N, C-alpha and C. Protein backbone atom coordinates (compact mmCIF):
# COMPACT_ATOMS: atom_id res chain seq x y z
N MET A 1 27.36 48.41 14.90
CA MET A 1 28.53 47.90 15.62
C MET A 1 28.32 48.10 17.12
N ARG A 2 28.72 47.13 17.88
CA ARG A 2 28.60 47.18 19.34
C ARG A 2 29.64 48.08 19.96
N LYS A 3 29.23 48.91 20.87
CA LYS A 3 30.14 49.79 21.58
C LYS A 3 30.98 48.99 22.56
N LEU A 4 32.29 49.15 22.51
CA LEU A 4 33.19 48.38 23.36
C LEU A 4 33.72 49.19 24.54
N LEU A 5 33.30 50.41 24.66
CA LEU A 5 33.75 51.26 25.75
C LEU A 5 32.60 51.61 26.68
N GLU A 6 32.87 51.57 27.95
CA GLU A 6 31.93 52.04 28.96
C GLU A 6 32.68 53.01 29.85
N ARG A 7 32.10 54.14 30.08
CA ARG A 7 32.73 55.11 30.98
C ARG A 7 32.56 54.66 32.42
N TRP A 8 33.58 54.95 33.24
CA TRP A 8 33.48 54.71 34.67
C TRP A 8 32.32 55.55 35.21
N PRO A 9 31.67 55.12 36.29
CA PRO A 9 30.58 55.94 36.85
C PRO A 9 31.04 57.35 37.23
N ASP A 10 32.28 57.49 37.64
CA ASP A 10 32.82 58.81 38.02
C ASP A 10 33.76 59.36 36.95
N TRP A 11 33.46 59.06 35.67
CA TRP A 11 34.33 59.45 34.57
C TRP A 11 34.62 60.93 34.56
N ASP A 12 33.62 61.76 34.92
CA ASP A 12 33.81 63.21 34.85
C ASP A 12 34.81 63.69 35.91
N VAL A 13 34.79 63.07 37.07
CA VAL A 13 35.76 63.43 38.11
C VAL A 13 37.16 63.00 37.67
N ARG A 14 37.26 61.81 37.11
CA ARG A 14 38.55 61.32 36.61
C ARG A 14 39.08 62.22 35.50
N LEU A 15 38.18 62.63 34.59
CA LEU A 15 38.60 63.51 33.51
C LEU A 15 39.05 64.86 34.06
N GLN A 16 38.34 65.38 35.03
CA GLN A 16 38.73 66.67 35.64
C GLN A 16 40.13 66.56 36.24
N HIS A 17 40.43 65.47 36.92
CA HIS A 17 41.78 65.28 37.49
C HIS A 17 42.83 65.21 36.38
N TYR A 18 42.50 64.51 35.29
CA TYR A 18 43.43 64.42 34.17
C TYR A 18 43.68 65.81 33.57
N LEU A 19 42.62 66.58 33.39
CA LEU A 19 42.77 67.93 32.83
C LEU A 19 43.61 68.82 33.76
N GLU A 20 43.42 68.68 35.05
CA GLU A 20 44.24 69.43 36.00
C GLU A 20 45.70 69.03 35.90
N PHE A 21 45.96 67.73 35.72
CA PHE A 21 47.33 67.24 35.55
C PHE A 21 47.96 67.85 34.30
N CYS A 22 47.18 67.93 33.22
CA CYS A 22 47.70 68.42 31.93
C CYS A 22 47.85 69.94 31.88
N ARG A 23 47.26 70.63 32.80
CA ARG A 23 47.23 72.10 32.78
C ARG A 23 48.61 72.73 32.63
N ASP A 24 49.63 72.15 33.23
CA ASP A 24 50.97 72.71 33.18
C ASP A 24 51.95 71.87 32.36
N GLU A 25 51.44 70.86 31.68
CA GLU A 25 52.31 70.01 30.85
C GLU A 25 52.85 70.80 29.67
N VAL A 26 54.10 70.55 29.34
CA VAL A 26 54.73 71.16 28.18
C VAL A 26 54.60 70.20 27.01
N PHE A 27 54.27 70.73 25.84
CA PHE A 27 54.10 69.90 24.64
C PHE A 27 55.33 69.04 24.42
N ALA A 28 55.11 67.75 24.18
CA ALA A 28 56.19 66.82 23.86
C ALA A 28 55.59 65.72 23.01
N TRP A 29 56.18 65.46 21.87
CA TRP A 29 55.69 64.42 20.98
C TRP A 29 55.69 63.07 21.69
N GLY A 30 54.56 62.37 21.60
CA GLY A 30 54.43 61.05 22.20
C GLY A 30 54.11 61.08 23.68
N VAL A 31 54.09 62.26 24.28
CA VAL A 31 53.79 62.40 25.70
C VAL A 31 52.60 63.34 25.89
N HIS A 32 52.73 64.55 25.36
CA HIS A 32 51.66 65.55 25.47
C HIS A 32 51.51 66.23 24.11
N ASP A 33 50.94 65.46 23.16
CA ASP A 33 50.58 65.99 21.85
C ASP A 33 49.08 65.72 21.67
N CYS A 34 48.49 66.14 20.57
CA CYS A 34 47.03 66.00 20.44
C CYS A 34 46.57 64.56 20.49
N ALA A 35 47.25 63.66 19.82
CA ALA A 35 46.84 62.26 19.82
C ALA A 35 47.00 61.64 21.21
N SER A 36 48.15 61.87 21.83
CA SER A 36 48.40 61.32 23.17
C SER A 36 47.38 61.86 24.17
N PHE A 37 47.06 63.14 24.07
CA PHE A 37 46.08 63.77 24.97
C PHE A 37 44.72 63.07 24.86
N ALA A 38 44.24 62.89 23.64
CA ALA A 38 42.92 62.28 23.44
C ALA A 38 42.93 60.80 23.86
N ILE A 39 43.97 60.08 23.48
CA ILE A 39 44.08 58.66 23.85
C ILE A 39 44.09 58.50 25.36
N ASP A 40 44.89 59.31 26.04
CA ASP A 40 44.98 59.22 27.50
C ASP A 40 43.66 59.64 28.16
N ALA A 41 43.00 60.65 27.62
CA ALA A 41 41.72 61.09 28.20
C ALA A 41 40.68 59.97 28.11
N ILE A 42 40.63 59.29 26.97
CA ILE A 42 39.68 58.19 26.82
C ILE A 42 40.01 57.06 27.80
N GLU A 43 41.31 56.78 27.97
CA GLU A 43 41.70 55.75 28.92
C GLU A 43 41.31 56.13 30.35
N VAL A 44 41.46 57.39 30.70
CA VAL A 44 41.07 57.87 32.03
C VAL A 44 39.57 57.68 32.25
N MET A 45 38.77 57.95 31.21
CA MET A 45 37.30 57.87 31.35
C MET A 45 36.77 56.44 31.32
N THR A 46 37.50 55.53 30.63
CA THR A 46 36.96 54.18 30.39
C THR A 46 37.82 53.04 30.93
N GLY A 47 39.10 53.31 31.17
CA GLY A 47 40.01 52.24 31.57
C GLY A 47 40.54 51.44 30.40
N LYS A 48 40.19 51.83 29.17
CA LYS A 48 40.63 51.11 27.97
C LYS A 48 41.58 51.97 27.15
N ARG A 49 42.61 51.32 26.64
CA ARG A 49 43.58 51.97 25.74
C ARG A 49 43.06 51.78 24.32
N VAL A 50 42.72 52.87 23.63
CA VAL A 50 42.10 52.76 22.31
C VAL A 50 43.09 52.85 21.16
N PHE A 51 44.34 53.05 21.48
CA PHE A 51 45.38 53.11 20.45
C PHE A 51 46.59 52.42 21.04
N PRO A 52 47.24 51.55 20.28
CA PRO A 52 48.40 50.85 20.86
C PRO A 52 49.49 51.84 21.28
N ALA A 53 50.31 51.39 22.15
CA ALA A 53 51.42 52.25 22.60
C ALA A 53 52.14 52.81 21.39
N HIS A 54 52.38 54.08 21.43
CA HIS A 54 53.07 54.73 20.32
C HIS A 54 54.46 55.14 20.77
N SER A 55 55.35 55.23 19.82
CA SER A 55 56.74 55.48 20.19
C SER A 55 57.30 56.72 19.53
N TRP A 56 56.43 57.58 19.01
CA TRP A 56 57.00 58.76 18.37
C TRP A 56 57.58 59.72 19.39
N LYS A 57 58.65 60.35 19.00
CA LYS A 57 59.33 61.32 19.86
C LYS A 57 59.52 62.66 19.14
N THR A 58 59.22 62.66 17.84
CA THR A 58 59.35 63.88 17.03
C THR A 58 58.12 64.00 16.14
N LYS A 59 57.95 65.19 15.58
CA LYS A 59 56.85 65.42 14.65
C LYS A 59 56.97 64.47 13.45
N GLU A 60 58.18 64.28 12.99
CA GLU A 60 58.40 63.39 11.85
C GLU A 60 58.01 61.96 12.17
N ASP A 61 58.37 61.49 13.37
CA ASP A 61 57.99 60.14 13.81
C ASP A 61 56.47 60.00 13.88
N ALA A 62 55.81 61.02 14.45
CA ALA A 62 54.35 60.99 14.58
C ALA A 62 53.70 60.96 13.21
N GLU A 63 54.18 61.83 12.31
CA GLU A 63 53.62 61.87 10.96
C GLU A 63 53.83 60.54 10.24
N ALA A 64 54.99 59.91 10.43
CA ALA A 64 55.25 58.62 9.78
C ALA A 64 54.33 57.54 10.34
N THR A 65 54.19 57.47 11.67
CA THR A 65 53.33 56.47 12.30
C THR A 65 51.88 56.66 11.87
N LEU A 66 51.40 57.89 11.99
CA LEU A 66 50.01 58.16 11.63
C LEU A 66 49.81 58.10 10.11
N GLY A 67 50.86 58.43 9.36
CA GLY A 67 50.79 58.34 7.91
C GLY A 67 50.56 56.91 7.44
N GLU A 68 51.16 55.96 8.14
CA GLU A 68 50.95 54.55 7.81
C GLU A 68 49.49 54.15 7.98
N LEU A 69 48.76 54.90 8.80
CA LEU A 69 47.35 54.63 9.05
C LEU A 69 46.44 55.51 8.20
N GLY A 70 47.05 56.30 7.31
CA GLY A 70 46.25 57.16 6.43
C GLY A 70 46.13 58.59 6.90
N GLY A 71 46.95 59.00 7.86
CA GLY A 71 46.89 60.36 8.40
C GLY A 71 46.11 60.38 9.70
N ILE A 72 46.17 61.51 10.39
CA ILE A 72 45.57 61.57 11.72
C ILE A 72 44.06 61.41 11.68
N GLU A 73 43.39 62.02 10.70
CA GLU A 73 41.93 61.89 10.66
C GLU A 73 41.52 60.43 10.45
N ARG A 74 42.18 59.76 9.53
CA ARG A 74 41.86 58.36 9.27
C ARG A 74 42.24 57.48 10.46
N ALA A 75 43.37 57.77 11.10
CA ALA A 75 43.78 56.99 12.28
C ALA A 75 42.75 57.12 13.40
N ILE A 76 42.27 58.33 13.64
CA ILE A 76 41.26 58.56 14.68
C ILE A 76 39.97 57.82 14.32
N THR A 77 39.58 57.92 13.06
CA THR A 77 38.35 57.26 12.60
C THR A 77 38.46 55.75 12.75
N ARG A 78 39.59 55.17 12.35
CA ARG A 78 39.78 53.72 12.46
C ARG A 78 39.76 53.29 13.92
N CYS A 79 40.38 54.07 14.77
CA CYS A 79 40.41 53.78 16.19
C CYS A 79 38.99 53.81 16.76
N ALA A 80 38.24 54.86 16.41
CA ALA A 80 36.85 54.98 16.88
C ALA A 80 36.01 53.81 16.41
N GLU A 81 36.15 53.45 15.15
CA GLU A 81 35.38 52.33 14.60
C GLU A 81 35.74 51.02 15.29
N ALA A 82 37.02 50.81 15.56
CA ALA A 82 37.47 49.57 16.19
C ALA A 82 36.87 49.38 17.59
N PHE A 83 36.56 50.49 18.25
CA PHE A 83 36.00 50.41 19.61
C PHE A 83 34.51 50.73 19.64
N GLY A 84 33.89 50.74 18.47
CA GLY A 84 32.44 50.94 18.41
C GLY A 84 31.99 52.34 18.77
N MET A 85 32.87 53.31 18.66
CA MET A 85 32.48 54.70 18.93
C MET A 85 31.75 55.23 17.70
N GLN A 86 30.48 55.46 17.83
CA GLN A 86 29.66 55.92 16.72
C GLN A 86 29.91 57.39 16.43
N GLU A 87 30.02 57.71 15.14
CA GLU A 87 30.11 59.12 14.77
C GLU A 87 28.74 59.76 14.99
N LYS A 88 28.75 61.00 15.41
CA LYS A 88 27.49 61.69 15.68
C LYS A 88 27.58 63.12 15.18
N ASP A 89 26.44 63.74 15.06
CA ASP A 89 26.38 65.13 14.65
C ASP A 89 27.08 66.00 15.69
N ILE A 90 27.82 66.98 15.23
CA ILE A 90 28.56 67.85 16.15
C ILE A 90 27.63 68.51 17.16
N MET A 91 26.44 68.85 16.74
CA MET A 91 25.49 69.50 17.64
C MET A 91 24.98 68.55 18.73
N ARG A 92 25.26 67.27 18.61
CA ARG A 92 24.85 66.29 19.63
C ARG A 92 26.04 65.80 20.45
N ALA A 93 27.17 66.46 20.30
CA ALA A 93 28.37 66.07 21.04
C ALA A 93 28.15 66.21 22.54
N ASN A 94 28.70 65.28 23.28
CA ASN A 94 28.61 65.30 24.74
C ASN A 94 29.99 65.47 25.35
N ARG A 95 30.01 65.87 26.58
CA ARG A 95 31.26 66.03 27.31
C ARG A 95 32.05 64.73 27.24
N GLY A 96 33.34 64.84 26.94
CA GLY A 96 34.22 63.68 26.90
C GLY A 96 34.27 62.97 25.56
N ASP A 97 33.43 63.35 24.60
CA ASP A 97 33.47 62.70 23.29
C ASP A 97 34.76 63.02 22.54
N LEU A 98 35.17 62.10 21.68
CA LEU A 98 36.36 62.25 20.86
C LEU A 98 36.06 63.14 19.66
N CYS A 99 36.97 64.06 19.34
CA CYS A 99 36.75 65.00 18.23
C CYS A 99 37.95 65.04 17.29
N ILE A 100 37.65 65.39 16.06
CA ILE A 100 38.66 65.79 15.09
C ILE A 100 38.38 67.25 14.81
N ALA A 101 39.37 68.10 14.98
CA ALA A 101 39.14 69.54 14.84
C ALA A 101 40.41 70.24 14.38
N PRO A 102 40.26 71.41 13.78
CA PRO A 102 41.44 72.23 13.49
C PRO A 102 41.94 72.83 14.81
N LEU A 103 43.20 72.63 15.08
CA LEU A 103 43.77 73.07 16.37
C LEU A 103 44.90 74.06 16.15
N GLY A 104 45.10 74.93 17.08
CA GLY A 104 46.23 75.85 17.04
C GLY A 104 46.11 76.92 15.98
N ARG A 105 47.11 77.75 15.94
CA ARG A 105 47.12 78.89 15.02
C ARG A 105 47.14 78.46 13.56
N ALA A 106 47.84 77.39 13.27
CA ALA A 106 47.96 76.94 11.88
C ALA A 106 46.72 76.18 11.42
N GLY A 107 45.83 75.85 12.34
CA GLY A 107 44.61 75.14 11.97
C GLY A 107 44.83 73.71 11.53
N GLU A 108 45.96 73.12 11.96
CA GLU A 108 46.22 71.72 11.61
C GLU A 108 45.15 70.83 12.25
N ILE A 109 44.77 69.78 11.54
CA ILE A 109 43.76 68.86 12.04
C ILE A 109 44.38 68.00 13.13
N GLY A 110 43.65 67.84 14.22
CA GLY A 110 44.16 67.04 15.32
C GLY A 110 43.05 66.42 16.13
N ALA A 111 43.44 65.68 17.15
CA ALA A 111 42.50 64.98 18.03
C ALA A 111 42.29 65.78 19.30
N GLY A 112 41.09 65.69 19.82
CA GLY A 112 40.77 66.32 21.10
C GLY A 112 39.54 65.67 21.69
N ILE A 113 39.11 66.20 22.80
CA ILE A 113 37.89 65.72 23.45
C ILE A 113 37.00 66.92 23.76
N VAL A 114 35.71 66.67 23.86
CA VAL A 114 34.80 67.73 24.27
C VAL A 114 35.03 67.98 25.76
N GLY A 115 35.25 69.24 26.10
CA GLY A 115 35.52 69.61 27.48
C GLY A 115 34.31 69.42 28.39
N LEU A 116 34.54 69.53 29.67
CA LEU A 116 33.49 69.31 30.65
C LEU A 116 32.40 70.38 30.61
N ASP A 117 32.67 71.51 29.96
CA ASP A 117 31.63 72.52 29.80
C ASP A 117 30.76 72.24 28.58
N GLY A 118 31.19 71.29 27.74
CA GLY A 118 30.42 70.92 26.57
C GLY A 118 30.46 71.91 25.43
N GLN A 119 31.32 72.93 25.51
CA GLN A 119 31.34 73.97 24.49
C GLN A 119 32.64 74.05 23.71
N PHE A 120 33.68 73.38 24.20
CA PHE A 120 34.99 73.49 23.57
C PHE A 120 35.60 72.11 23.33
N VAL A 121 36.43 72.04 22.30
CA VAL A 121 37.28 70.86 22.07
C VAL A 121 38.60 71.17 22.76
N LEU A 122 39.04 70.28 23.61
CA LEU A 122 40.30 70.43 24.34
C LEU A 122 41.36 69.53 23.73
N SER A 123 42.58 70.03 23.69
CA SER A 123 43.70 69.24 23.19
C SER A 123 44.99 69.78 23.78
N ALA A 124 46.08 69.10 23.49
CA ALA A 124 47.39 69.53 23.98
C ALA A 124 47.77 70.86 23.34
N ALA A 125 48.43 71.69 24.11
CA ALA A 125 48.93 72.99 23.64
C ALA A 125 50.42 73.05 23.92
N PRO A 126 51.11 74.09 23.42
CA PRO A 126 52.53 74.22 23.73
C PRO A 126 52.79 74.16 25.24
N ARG A 127 51.86 74.71 26.00
CA ARG A 127 51.91 74.56 27.46
C ARG A 127 50.47 74.38 27.93
N GLY A 128 50.18 73.24 28.48
CA GLY A 128 48.84 72.99 29.00
C GLY A 128 47.87 72.49 27.95
N ILE A 129 46.69 73.09 27.99
CA ILE A 129 45.58 72.62 27.16
C ILE A 129 45.05 73.77 26.31
N ALA A 130 44.82 73.48 25.04
CA ALA A 130 44.20 74.44 24.13
C ALA A 130 42.71 74.15 24.06
N ALA A 131 41.92 75.18 23.83
CA ALA A 131 40.48 75.03 23.67
C ALA A 131 40.05 75.76 22.41
N VAL A 132 39.33 75.06 21.55
CA VAL A 132 38.75 75.67 20.36
C VAL A 132 37.24 75.43 20.43
N PRO A 133 36.44 76.32 19.88
CA PRO A 133 34.99 76.14 19.96
C PRO A 133 34.55 74.81 19.34
N LEU A 134 33.64 74.14 20.01
CA LEU A 134 33.12 72.87 19.53
C LEU A 134 32.54 73.02 18.12
N ALA A 135 31.99 74.17 17.82
CA ALA A 135 31.39 74.41 16.50
C ALA A 135 32.41 74.27 15.37
N THR A 136 33.71 74.34 15.69
CA THR A 136 34.74 74.20 14.65
C THR A 136 35.13 72.75 14.41
N ALA A 137 34.63 71.84 15.23
CA ALA A 137 34.97 70.41 15.08
C ALA A 137 34.50 69.91 13.72
N LEU A 138 35.29 69.02 13.15
CA LEU A 138 34.95 68.42 11.86
C LEU A 138 34.16 67.13 12.04
N ARG A 139 34.52 66.36 13.07
CA ARG A 139 33.85 65.09 13.35
C ARG A 139 33.86 64.84 14.84
N VAL A 140 32.84 64.10 15.31
CA VAL A 140 32.73 63.77 16.73
C VAL A 140 32.32 62.30 16.83
N PHE A 141 32.94 61.60 17.78
CA PHE A 141 32.66 60.19 18.03
C PHE A 141 32.26 60.02 19.50
N GLU A 142 31.22 59.24 19.74
CA GLU A 142 30.74 59.02 21.10
C GLU A 142 31.69 58.13 21.87
N VAL A 143 32.10 58.59 23.04
CA VAL A 143 32.94 57.77 23.92
C VAL A 143 32.04 57.18 24.99
């Protein structure tokens, strides 16, 4: 499949600015949740929206929307496939790649991106950004 995304030449600077913006964001469904965080990060790096505008405002709304797509893991996978993002071995993950990983204390599966240090998966947290070791990622897609 042909890759439909190209990163801006200064994608890393753009991503750094986005991460700085998110540093003090408070978790809010549809604004600063794991899916929104990853979708917005990819848009910052590429200029492309990889998931249609979502309208969830509660956990229940998010679960219903993503449930219609087969759950968050399947929704992320379908989104990646639609934009030609190839799945790759976790050990070959690069900065800015899309990830599926267990996030937070409860270990719920969610979306994130590989951080600029290349060692952590970053995602939305109750306040700011959460980081979990990249080694815990379940799947990685090239952005």
